[in-house]
Structures are given as C-alpha cells and as structure tokens.
Amino acid sequence: RYRRKHEGETPRQNRYNLPLEILYTIVPVLIISVLF
C-alpha cells in the first residue's frame, strides 16, 4: 500500500496515530490475558 511510486516523493508525515497506538496497546494485553 505504501510503496514508493516516484523518486523524491515523501509520504505524509504524522506525529502520531491515536487509533493505531490504542490498537497495538490493547491487542497484546488481551492476548497475554487470555494466555494467562
């Protein structure tokens, strides 16, 4: 999806992505809780 298509083109830079950060925090906690 995010492969470079043109030389010199820089993808949009985000300081953070709140939904993604929530996702990769909650999912590991759920996995560990179930295994525990």
PDB file of all heavy atoms in Angstrom:
ATOM      1  N   ARG A   1       0.815  -1.229   0.000  1.00  0.00           N
ATOM      2  CA  ARG A   1       0.000   0.000   0.000  1.00  0.00           C
ATOM      3  C   ARG A   1       0.840   1.266   0.000  1.00  0.00           C
ATOM      4  O   ARG A   1       0.508   2.246  -0.671  1.00  0.00           O
ATOM      5  CB  ARG A   1      -0.912  -0.024   1.242  1.00  0.00           C
ATOM      6  CG  ARG A   1      -1.741   1.235   1.444  1.00  0.00           C
ATOM      7  CD  ARG A   1      -2.767   1.415   0.342  1.00  0.00           C
ATOM      8  NE  ARG A   1      -3.582   2.592   0.565  1.00  0.00           N
ATOM      9  CZ  ARG A   1      -3.212   3.843   0.278  1.00  0.00           C
ATOM     10  NH1 ARG A   1      -2.009   4.070  -0.264  1.00  0.00           N
ATOM     11  NH2 ARG A   1      -4.018   4.868   0.502  1.00  0.00           N
ATOM     12  N   TYR A   2       1.954   1.236   0.724  1.00  0.00           N
ATOM     13  CA  TYR A   2       2.737   2.459   0.875  1.00  0.00           C
ATOM     14  C   TYR A   2       4.096   2.373   0.174  1.00  0.00           C
ATOM     15  O   TYR A   2       5.039   3.036   0.566  1.00  0.00           O
ATOM     16  CB  TYR A   2       2.931   2.768   2.369  1.00  0.00           C
ATOM     17  CG  TYR A   2       1.635   3.027   3.080  1.00  0.00           C
ATOM     18  CD1 TYR A   2       1.065   2.055   3.915  1.00  0.00           C
ATOM     19  CD2 TYR A   2       0.940   4.218   2.901  1.00  0.00           C
ATOM     20  CE1 TYR A   2      -0.153   2.278   4.549  1.00  0.00           C
ATOM     21  CE2 TYR A   2      -0.272   4.450   3.531  1.00  0.00           C
ATOM     22  CZ  TYR A   2      -0.809   3.475   4.358  1.00  0.00           C
ATOM     23  OH  TYR A   2      -2.011   3.704   4.984  1.00  0.00           O
ATOM     24  N   ARG A   3       4.159   1.576  -0.876  1.00  0.00           N
ATOM     25  CA  ARG A   3       5.406   1.505  -1.625  1.00  0.00           C
ATOM     26  C   ARG A   3       5.661   2.845  -2.321  1.00  0.00           C
ATOM     27  O   ARG A   3       4.717   3.548  -2.700  1.00  0.00           O
ATOM     28  CB  ARG A   3       5.356   0.367  -2.644  1.00  0.00           C
ATOM     29  CG  ARG A   3       4.367   0.572  -3.768  1.00  0.00           C
ATOM     30  CD  ARG A   3       4.194  -0.708  -4.574  1.00  0.00           C
ATOM     31  NE  ARG A   3       3.358  -0.521  -5.742  1.00  0.00           N
ATOM     32  CZ  ARG A   3       2.043  -0.488  -5.722  1.00  0.00           C
ATOM     33  NH1 ARG A   3       1.389  -0.620  -4.575  1.00  0.00           N
ATOM     34  NH2 ARG A   3       1.355  -0.330  -6.851  1.00  0.00           N
ATOM     35  N   ARG A   4       6.907   3.166  -2.515  1.00  0.00           N
ATOM     36  CA  ARG A   4       7.261   4.426  -3.153  1.00  0.00           C
ATOM     37  C   ARG A   4       6.999   4.334  -4.644  1.00  0.00           C
ATOM     38  O   ARG A   4       7.476   3.422  -5.322  1.00  0.00           O
ATOM     39  CB  ARG A   4       8.735   4.743  -2.890  1.00  0.00           C
ATOM     40  CG  ARG A   4       9.142   6.123  -3.395  1.00  0.00           C
ATOM     41  CD  ARG A   4      10.528   6.482  -2.920  1.00  0.00           C
ATOM     42  NE  ARG A   4      11.515   5.501  -3.406  1.00  0.00           N
ATOM     43  CZ  ARG A   4      12.797   5.516  -3.061  1.00  0.00           C
ATOM     44  NH1 ARG A   4      13.232   6.423  -2.208  1.00  0.00           N
ATOM     45  NH2 ARG A   4      13.632   4.614  -3.534  1.00  0.00           N
ATOM     46  N   LYS A   5       6.260   5.308  -5.178  1.00  0.00           N
ATOM     47  CA  LYS A   5       5.882   5.280  -6.590  1.00  0.00           C
ATOM     48  C   LYS A   5       6.754   6.187  -7.442  1.00  0.00           C
ATOM     49  O   LYS A   5       6.950   5.947  -8.623  1.00  0.00           O
ATOM     50  CB  LYS A   5       4.416   5.694  -6.745  1.00  0.00           C
ATOM     51  CG  LYS A   5       3.452   4.736  -6.071  1.00  0.00           C
ATOM     52  CD  LYS A   5       2.014   5.196  -6.259  1.00  0.00           C
ATOM     53  CE  LYS A   5       1.035   4.234  -5.583  1.00  0.00           C
ATOM     54  NZ  LYS A   5      -0.369   4.679  -5.724  1.00  0.00           N
ATOM     55  N   HIS A   6       7.256   7.260  -6.846  1.00  0.00           N
ATOM     56  CA  HIS A   6       8.040   8.211  -7.622  1.00  0.00           C
ATOM     57  C   HIS A   6       9.249   8.643  -6.808  1.00  0.00           C
ATOM     58  O   HIS A   6       9.180   8.792  -5.591  1.00  0.00           O
ATOM     59  CB  HIS A   6       7.209   9.451  -7.982  1.00  0.00           C
ATOM     60  CG  HIS A   6       5.958   9.119  -8.734  1.00  0.00           C
ATOM     61  ND1 HIS A   6       5.957   8.717 -10.051  1.00  0.00           N
ATOM     62  CD2 HIS A   6       4.667   9.109  -8.342  1.00  0.00           C
ATOM     63  CE1 HIS A   6       4.720   8.494 -10.449  1.00  0.00           C
ATOM     64  NE2 HIS A   6       3.910   8.723  -9.424  1.00  0.00           N
ATOM     65  N   GLU A   7      10.385   8.851  -7.497  1.00  0.00           N
ATOM     66  CA  GLU A   7      11.589   9.327  -6.841  1.00  0.00           C
ATOM     67  C   GLU A   7      11.340  10.704  -6.255  1.00  0.00           C
ATOM     68  O   GLU A   7      10.741  11.566  -6.900  1.00  0.00           O
ATOM     69  CB  GLU A   7      12.747   9.400  -7.850  1.00  0.00           C
ATOM     70  CG  GLU A   7      13.356   8.057  -8.191  1.00  0.00           C
ATOM     71  CD  GLU A   7      14.053   7.435  -7.002  1.00  0.00           C
ATOM     72  OE1 GLU A   7      14.523   8.194  -6.130  1.00  0.00           O
ATOM     73  OE2 GLU A   7      14.117   6.195  -6.932  1.00  0.00           O
ATOM     74  N   GLY A   8      11.828  10.912  -5.046  1.00  0.00           N
ATOM     75  CA  GLY A   8      11.705  12.224  -4.433  1.00  0.00           C
ATOM     76  C   GLY A   8      10.384  12.471  -3.733  1.00  0.00           C
ATOM     77  O   GLY A   8      10.236  13.479  -3.027  1.00  0.00           O
ATOM     78  N   GLU A   9       9.417  11.559  -3.883  1.00  0.00           N
ATOM     79  CA  GLU A   9       8.123  11.761  -3.231  1.00  0.00           C
ATOM     80  C   GLU A   9       8.209  11.305  -1.775  1.00  0.00           C
ATOM     81  O   GLU A   9       8.650  10.202  -1.481  1.00  0.00           O
ATOM     82  CB  GLU A   9       7.053  10.966  -3.951  1.00  0.00           C
ATOM     83  CG  GLU A   9       5.668  11.127  -3.322  1.00  0.00           C
ATOM     84  CD  GLU A   9       4.609  10.308  -4.047  1.00  0.00           C
ATOM     85  OE1 GLU A   9       4.878   9.882  -5.177  1.00  0.00           O
ATOM     86  OE2 GLU A   9       3.540  10.094  -3.462  1.00  0.00           O
ATOM     87  N   THR A  10       7.830  12.162  -0.889  1.00  0.00           N
ATOM     88  CA  THR A  10       7.858  11.857   0.540  1.00  0.00           C
ATOM     89  C   THR A  10       6.442  11.664   1.049  1.00  0.00           C
ATOM     90  O   THR A  10       5.584  12.533   0.836  1.00  0.00           O
ATOM     91  CB  THR A  10       8.517  13.000   1.330  1.00  0.00           C
ATOM     92  OG1 THR A  10       9.838  13.217   0.823  1.00  0.00           O
ATOM     93  CG2 THR A  10       8.592  12.664   2.811  1.00  0.00           C
ATOM     94  N   PRO A  11       6.167  10.529   1.711  1.00  0.00           N
ATOM     95  CA  PRO A  11       4.812  10.324   2.224  1.00  0.00           C
ATOM     96  C   PRO A  11       4.491  11.325   3.328  1.00  0.00           C
ATOM     97  O   PRO A  11       5.389  11.890   3.960  1.00  0.00           O
ATOM     98  CB  PRO A  11       4.863   8.904   2.784  1.00  0.00           C
ATOM     99  CG  PRO A  11       6.292   8.648   3.053  1.00  0.00           C
ATOM    100  CD  PRO A  11       7.058   9.405   2.034  1.00  0.00           C
ATOM    101  N   ARG A  12       3.236  11.526   3.562  1.00  0.00           N
ATOM    102  CA  ARG A  12       2.808  12.457   4.581  1.00  0.00           C
ATOM    103  C   ARG A  12       3.293  11.973   5.946  1.00  0.00           C
ATOM    104  O   ARG A  12       3.132  10.812   6.301  1.00  0.00           O
ATOM    105  CB  ARG A  12       1.279  12.570   4.574  1.00  0.00           C
ATOM    106  CG  ARG A  12       0.761  13.669   5.502  1.00  0.00           C
ATOM    107  CD  ARG A  12      -0.737  13.782   5.387  1.00  0.00           C
ATOM    108  NE  ARG A  12      -1.386  12.587   5.913  1.00  0.00           N
ATOM    109  CZ  ARG A  12      -2.712  12.450   5.983  1.00  0.00           C
ATOM    110  NH1 ARG A  12      -3.504  13.403   5.521  1.00  0.00           N
ATOM    111  NH2 ARG A  12      -3.222  11.350   6.483  1.00  0.00           N
ATOM    112  N   GLN A  13       3.866  12.890   6.700  1.00  0.00           N
ATOM    113  CA  GLN A  13       4.416  12.550   7.999  1.00  0.00           C
ATOM    114  C   GLN A  13       3.397  12.877   9.103  1.00  0.00           C
ATOM    115  O   GLN A  13       2.887  13.994   9.165  1.00  0.00           O
ATOM    116  CB  GLN A  13       5.709  13.332   8.251  1.00  0.00           C
ATOM    117  CG  GLN A  13       6.775  13.105   7.181  1.00  0.00           C
ATOM    118  CD  GLN A  13       7.238  11.663   7.132  1.00  0.00           C
ATOM    119  OE1 GLN A  13       7.678  11.135   8.140  1.00  0.00           O
ATOM    120  NE2 GLN A  13       7.145  11.042   5.971  1.00  0.00           N
ATOM    121  N   ASN A  14       3.084  11.889   9.957  1.00  0.00           N
ATOM    122  CA  ASN A  14       2.184  12.096  11.086  1.00  0.00           C
ATOM    123  C   ASN A  14       2.982  12.029  12.387  1.00  0.00           C
ATOM    124  O   ASN A  14       3.857  11.178  12.543  1.00  0.00           O
ATOM    125  CB  ASN A  14       1.087  11.027  11.117  1.00  0.00           C
ATOM    126  CG  ASN A  14       0.140  11.174   9.944  1.00  0.00           C
ATOM    127  OD1 ASN A  14      -0.120  12.278   9.466  1.00  0.00           O
ATOM    128  ND2 ASN A  14      -0.354  10.038   9.460  1.00  0.00           N
ATOM    129  N   ARG A  15       2.643  12.886  13.303  1.00  0.00           N
ATOM    130  CA  ARG A  15       3.331  12.871  14.583  1.00  0.00           C
ATOM    131  C   ARG A  15       2.909  11.654  15.402  1.00  0.00           C
ATOM    132  O   ARG A  15       3.702  11.052  16.094  1.00  0.00           O
ATOM    133  CB  ARG A  15       3.020  14.161  15.347  1.00  0.00           C
ATOM    134  CG  ARG A  15       3.815  14.295  16.630  1.00  0.00           C
ATOM    135  CD  ARG A  15       3.559  15.636  17.274  1.00  0.00           C
ATOM    136  NE  ARG A  15       4.312  15.780  18.515  1.00  0.00           N
ATOM    137  CZ  ARG A  15       4.239  16.862  19.292  1.00  0.00           C
ATOM    138  NH1 ARG A  15       3.461  17.883  18.952  1.00  0.00           N
ATOM    139  NH2 ARG A  15       4.945  16.922  20.400  1.00  0.00           N
ATOM    140  N   TYR A  16       1.664  11.296  15.303  1.00  0.00           N
ATOM    141  CA  TYR A  16       1.168  10.110  15.973  1.00  0.00           C
ATOM    142  C   TYR A  16      -0.130   9.684  15.320  1.00  0.00           C
ATOM    143  O   TYR A  16      -0.756  10.444  14.574  1.00  0.00           O
ATOM    144  CB  TYR A  16       0.952  10.349  17.470  1.00  0.00           C
ATOM    145  CG  TYR A  16      -0.035  11.458  17.779  1.00  0.00           C
ATOM    146  CD1 TYR A  16      -1.403  11.217  17.823  1.00  0.00           C
ATOM    147  CD2 TYR A  16       0.415  12.764  18.010  1.00  0.00           C
ATOM    148  CE1 TYR A  16      -2.315  12.229  18.094  1.00  0.00           C
ATOM    149  CE2 TYR A  16      -0.487  13.789  18.280  1.00  0.00           C
ATOM    150  CZ  TYR A  16      -1.836  13.519  18.326  1.00  0.00           C
ATOM    151  OH  TYR A  16      -2.729  14.530  18.583  1.00  0.00           O
ATOM    152  N   ASN A  17      -0.510   8.428  15.612  1.00  0.00           N
ATOM    153  CA  ASN A  17      -1.774   7.899  15.104  1.00  0.00           C
ATOM    154  C   ASN A  17      -2.477   7.254  16.292  1.00  0.00           C
ATOM    155  O   ASN A  17      -2.170   6.124  16.680  1.00  0.00           O
ATOM    156  CB  ASN A  17      -1.510   6.868  13.994  1.00  0.00           C
ATOM    157  CG  ASN A  17      -2.794   6.403  13.333  1.00  0.00           C
ATOM    158  OD1 ASN A  17      -3.784   6.130  14.001  1.00  0.00           O
ATOM    159  ND2 ASN A  17      -2.759   6.296  12.009  1.00  0.00           N
ATOM    160  N   LEU A  18      -3.395   7.977  16.897  1.00  0.00           N
ATOM    161  CA  LEU A  18      -4.020   7.534  18.144  1.00  0.00           C
ATOM    162  C   LEU A  18      -4.729   6.186  18.010  1.00  0.00           C
ATOM    163  O   LEU A  18      -4.538   5.298  18.847  1.00  0.00           O
ATOM    164  CB  LEU A  18      -4.984   8.605  18.655  1.00  0.00           C
ATOM    165  CG  LEU A  18      -5.613   8.320  20.027  1.00  0.00           C
ATOM    166  CD1 LEU A  18      -4.536   8.143  21.077  1.00  0.00           C
ATOM    167  CD2 LEU A  18      -6.569   9.436  20.408  1.00  0.00           C
ATOM    168  N   PRO A  19      -5.548   5.958  16.979  1.00  0.00           N
ATOM    169  CA  PRO A  19      -6.210   4.636  16.861  1.00  0.00           C
ATOM    170  C   PRO A  19      -5.209   3.484  16.779  1.00  0.00           C
ATOM    171  O   PRO A  19      -5.414   2.430  17.380  1.00  0.00           O
ATOM    172  CB  PRO A  19      -7.030   4.762  15.573  1.00  0.00           C
ATOM    173  CG  PRO A  19      -7.265   6.220  15.422  1.00  0.00           C
ATOM    174  CD  PRO A  19      -6.019   6.882  15.932  1.00  0.00           C
ATOM    175  N   LEU A  20      -4.118   3.711  16.022  1.00  0.00           N
ATOM    176  CA  LEU A  20      -3.111   2.659  15.885  1.00  0.00           C
ATOM    177  C   LEU A  20      -2.417   2.394  17.218  1.00  0.00           C
ATOM    178  O   LEU A  20      -2.172   1.236  17.591  1.00  0.00           O
ATOM    179  CB  LEU A  20      -2.084   3.054  14.825  1.00  0.00           C
ATOM    180  CG  LEU A  20      -1.018   2.000  14.492  1.00  0.00           C
ATOM    181  CD1 LEU A  20      -1.679   0.738  13.959  1.00  0.00           C
ATOM    182  CD2 LEU A  20      -0.026   2.557  13.484  1.00  0.00           C
ATOM    183  N   GLU A  21      -2.111   3.446  17.959  1.00  0.00           N
ATOM    184  CA  GLU A  21      -1.458   3.275  19.250  1.00  0.00           C
ATOM    185  C   GLU A  21      -2.368   2.547  20.240  1.00  0.00           C
ATOM    186  O   GLU A  21      -1.907   1.703  21.019  1.00  0.00           O
ATOM    187  CB  GLU A  21      -1.049   4.637  19.811  1.00  0.00           C
ATOM    188  CG  GLU A  21       0.071   5.284  19.015  1.00  0.00           C
ATOM    189  CD  GLU A  21       0.508   6.614  19.614  1.00  0.00           C
ATOM    190  OE1 GLU A  21       0.007   6.962  20.702  1.00  0.00           O
ATOM    191  OE2 GLU A  21       1.340   7.283  18.999  1.00  0.00           O
ATOM    192  N   ILE A  22      -3.647   2.864  20.212  1.00  0.00           N
ATOM    193  CA  ILE A  22      -4.604   2.157  21.072  1.00  0.00           C
ATOM    194  C   ILE A  22      -4.666   0.678  20.683  1.00  0.00           C
ATOM    195  O   ILE A  22      -4.689  -0.211  21.540  1.00  0.00           O
ATOM    196  CB  ILE A  22      -5.999   2.809  20.981  1.00  0.00           C
ATOM    197  CG1 ILE A  22      -5.963   4.213  21.600  1.00  0.00           C
ATOM    198  CG2 ILE A  22      -7.041   1.936  21.691  1.00  0.00           C
ATOM    199  CD1 ILE A  22      -7.253   4.981  21.431  1.00  0.00           C
ATOM    200  N   LEU A  23      -4.673   0.423  19.372  1.00  0.00           N
ATOM    201  CA  LEU A  23      -4.748  -0.950  18.876  1.00  0.00           C
ATOM    202  C   LEU A  23      -3.556  -1.772  19.342  1.00  0.00           C
ATOM    203  O   LEU A  23      -3.731  -2.867  19.890  1.00  0.00           O
ATOM    204  CB  LEU A  23      -4.828  -0.951  17.345  1.00  0.00           C
ATOM    205  CG  LEU A  23      -4.851  -2.340  16.687  1.00  0.00           C
ATOM    206  CD1 LEU A  23      -6.162  -3.044  17.015  1.00  0.00           C
ATOM    207  CD2 LEU A  23      -4.674  -2.220  15.173  1.00  0.00           C
ATOM    208  N   TYR A  24      -2.329  -1.247  19.142  1.00  0.00           N
ATOM    209  CA  TYR A  24      -1.172  -2.069  19.490  1.00  0.00           C
ATOM    210  C   TYR A  24      -0.870  -2.060  20.987  1.00  0.00           C
ATOM    211  O   TYR A  24       0.098  -2.668  21.430  1.00  0.00           O
ATOM    212  CB  TYR A  24       0.063  -1.738  18.653  1.00  0.00           C
ATOM    213  CG  TYR A  24       0.710  -0.387  18.811  1.00  0.00           C
ATOM    214  CD1 TYR A  24       1.195   0.073  20.029  1.00  0.00           C
ATOM    215  CD2 TYR A  24       0.902   0.429  17.689  1.00  0.00           C
ATOM    216  CE1 TYR A  24       1.828   1.290  20.159  1.00  0.00           C
ATOM    217  CE2 TYR A  24       1.519   1.668  17.816  1.00  0.00           C
ATOM    218  CZ  TYR A  24       1.999   2.087  19.052  1.00  0.00           C
ATOM    219  OH  TYR A  24       2.629   3.302  19.150  1.00  0.00           O
ATOM    220  N   THR A  25      -1.671  -1.383  21.768  1.00  0.00           N
ATOM    221  CA  THR A  25      -1.583  -1.495  23.225  1.00  0.00           C
ATOM    222  C   THR A  25      -2.616  -2.483  23.758  1.00  0.00           C
ATOM    223  O   THR A  25      -2.305  -3.342  24.593  1.00  0.00           O
ATOM    224  CB  THR A  25      -1.809  -0.118  23.888  1.00  0.00           C
ATOM    225  OG1 THR A  25      -0.808   0.788  23.435  1.00  0.00           O
ATOM    226  CG2 THR A  25      -1.739  -0.243  25.409  1.00  0.00           C
ATOM    227  N   ILE A  26      -3.845  -2.383  23.252  1.00  0.00           N
ATOM    228  CA  ILE A  26      -4.928  -3.232  23.758  1.00  0.00           C
ATOM    229  C   ILE A  26      -4.781  -4.680  23.308  1.00  0.00           C
ATOM    230  O   ILE A  26      -4.960  -5.612  24.104  1.00  0.00           O
ATOM    231  CB  ILE A  26      -6.293  -2.666  23.316  1.00  0.00           C
ATOM    232  CG1 ILE A  26      -6.570  -1.345  24.048  1.00  0.00           C
ATOM    233  CG2 ILE A  26      -7.405  -3.660  23.610  1.00  0.00           C
ATOM    234  CD1 ILE A  26      -7.864  -0.690  23.643  1.00  0.00           C
ATOM    235  N   VAL A  27      -4.450  -4.891  22.034  1.00  0.00           N
ATOM    236  CA  VAL A  27      -4.393  -6.251  21.490  1.00  0.00           C
ATOM    237  C   VAL A  27      -3.380  -7.127  22.234  1.00  0.00           C
ATOM    238  O   VAL A  27      -3.716  -8.241  22.660  1.00  0.00           O
ATOM    239  CB  VAL A  27      -4.109  -6.230  19.980  1.00  0.00           C
ATOM    240  CG1 VAL A  27      -3.804  -7.641  19.465  1.00  0.00           C
ATOM    241  CG2 VAL A  27      -5.291  -5.641  19.221  1.00  0.00           C
ATOM    242  N   PRO A  28      -2.112  -6.675  22.458  1.00  0.00           N
ATOM    243  CA  PRO A  28      -1.183  -7.525  23.226  1.00  0.00           C
ATOM    244  C   PRO A  28      -1.661  -7.812  24.649  1.00  0.00           C
ATOM    245  O   PRO A  28      -1.463  -8.915  25.168  1.00  0.00           O
ATOM    246  CB  PRO A  28       0.118  -6.710  23.238  1.00  0.00           C
ATOM    247  CG  PRO A  28       0.032  -5.839  22.035  1.00  0.00           C
ATOM    248  CD  PRO A  28      -1.424  -5.483  21.910  1.00  0.00           C
ATOM    249  N   VAL A  29      -2.301  -6.817  25.281  1.00  0.00           N
ATOM    250  CA  VAL A  29      -2.809  -7.028  26.630  1.00  0.00           C
ATOM    251  C   VAL A  29      -3.888  -8.113  26.627  1.00  0.00           C
ATOM    252  O   VAL A  29      -3.921  -8.982  27.510  1.00  0.00           O
ATOM    253  CB  VAL A  29      -3.356  -5.716  27.223  1.00  0.00           C
ATOM    254  CG1 VAL A  29      -4.109  -5.986  28.530  1.00  0.00           C
ATOM    255  CG2 VAL A  29      -2.228  -4.739  27.478  1.00  0.00           C
ATOM    256  N   LEU A  30      -4.780  -8.081  25.636  1.00  0.00           N
ATOM    257  CA  LEU A  30      -5.823  -9.100  25.537  1.00  0.00           C
ATOM    258  C   LEU A  30      -5.219 -10.487  25.303  1.00  0.00           C
ATOM    259  O   LEU A  30      -5.639 -11.478  25.918  1.00  0.00           O
ATOM    260  CB  LEU A  30      -6.787  -8.741  24.402  1.00  0.00           C
ATOM    261  CG  LEU A  30      -7.706  -7.541  24.642  1.00  0.00           C
ATOM    262  CD1 LEU A  30      -8.509  -7.236  23.381  1.00  0.00           C
ATOM    263  CD2 LEU A  30      -8.647  -7.797  25.812  1.00  0.00           C
ATOM    264  N   ILE A  31      -4.227 -10.553  24.423  1.00  0.00           N
ATOM    265  CA  ILE A  31      -3.591 -11.836  24.113  1.00  0.00           C
ATOM    266  C   ILE A  31      -2.942 -12.419  25.368  1.00  0.00           C
ATOM    267  O   ILE A  31      -3.137 -13.593  25.715  1.00  0.00           O
ATOM    268  CB  ILE A  31      -2.547 -11.667  22.989  1.00  0.00           C
ATOM    269  CG1 ILE A  31      -3.241 -11.300  21.673  1.00  0.00           C
ATOM    270  CG2 ILE A  31      -1.722 -12.945  22.822  1.00  0.00           C
ATOM    271  CD1 ILE A  31      -2.286 -10.869  20.585  1.00  0.00           C
ATOM    272  N   ILE A  32      -2.174 -11.599  26.066  1.00  0.00           N
ATOM    273  CA  ILE A  32      -1.479 -12.060  27.267  1.00  0.00           C
ATOM    274  C   ILE A  32      -2.482 -12.457  28.349  1.00  0.00           C
ATOM    275  O   ILE A  32      -2.295 -13.452  29.062  1.00  0.00           O
ATOM    276  CB  ILE A  32      -0.524 -10.964  27.781  1.00  0.00           C
ATOM    277  CG1 ILE A  32       0.622 -10.760  26.788  1.00  0.00           C
ATOM    278  CG2 ILE A  32       0.024 -11.334  29.158  1.00  0.00           C
ATOM    279  CD1 ILE A  32       1.498  -9.573  27.091  1.00  0.00           C
ATOM    280  N   SER A  33      -3.567 -11.706  28.473  1.00  0.00           N
ATOM    281  CA  SER A  33      -4.571 -12.008  29.493  1.00  0.00           C
ATOM    282  C   SER A  33      -5.221 -13.362  29.241  1.00  0.00           C
ATOM    283  O   SER A  33      -5.417 -14.158  30.178  1.00  0.00           O
ATOM    284  CB  SER A  33      -5.646 -10.915  29.521  1.00  0.00           C
ATOM    285  OG  SER A  33      -5.088  -9.660  29.862  1.00  0.00           O
ATOM    286  N   VAL A  34      -5.557 -13.634  27.981  1.00  0.00           N
ATOM    287  CA  VAL A  34      -6.182 -14.921  27.634  1.00  0.00           C
ATOM    288  C   VAL A  34      -5.212 -16.073  27.894  1.00  0.00           C
ATOM    289  O   VAL A  34      -5.575 -17.099  28.492  1.00  0.00           O
ATOM    290  CB  VAL A  34      -6.648 -14.915  26.165  1.00  0.00           C
ATOM    291  CG1 VAL A  34      -7.104 -16.311  25.752  1.00  0.00           C
ATOM    292  CG2 VAL A  34      -7.784 -13.919  25.973  1.00  0.00           C
ATOM    293  N   LEU A  35      -3.951 -15.917  27.453  1.00  0.00           N
ATOM    294  CA  LEU A  35      -2.958 -16.967  27.680  1.00  0.00           C
ATOM    295  C   LEU A  35      -2.713 -17.173  29.170  1.00  0.00           C
ATOM    296  O   LEU A  35      -2.546 -18.312  29.636  1.00  0.00           O
ATOM    297  CB  LEU A  35      -1.651 -16.610  26.967  1.00  0.00           C
ATOM    298  CG  LEU A  35      -1.679 -16.667  25.436  1.00  0.00           C
ATOM    299  CD1 LEU A  35      -0.356 -16.188  24.862  1.00  0.00           C
ATOM    300  CD2 LEU A  35      -1.989 -18.069  24.937  1.00  0.00           C
ATOM    301  N   PHE A  36      -2.706 -16.088  29.928  1.00  0.00           N
ATOM    302  CA  PHE A  36      -2.502 -16.184  31.374  1.00  0.00           C
ATOM    303  C   PHE A  36      -3.648 -16.954  32.030  1.00  0.00           C
ATOM    304  O   PHE A  36      -3.427 -17.809  32.892  1.00  0.00           O
ATOM    305  CB  PHE A  36      -2.393 -14.783  31.979  1.00  0.00           C
ATOM    306  CG  PHE A  36      -2.240 -14.774  33.471  1.00  0.00           C
ATOM    307  CD1 PHE A  36      -1.024 -15.068  34.064  1.00  0.00           C
ATOM    308  CD2 PHE A  36      -3.316 -14.470  34.289  1.00  0.00           C
ATOM    309  CE1 PHE A  36      -0.879 -15.066  35.440  1.00  0.00           C
ATOM    310  CE2 PHE A  36      -3.191 -14.469  35.667  1.00  0.00           C
ATOM    311  CZ  PHE A  36      -1.959 -14.761  36.246  1.00  0.00           C
TER     312      PHE A  36
END
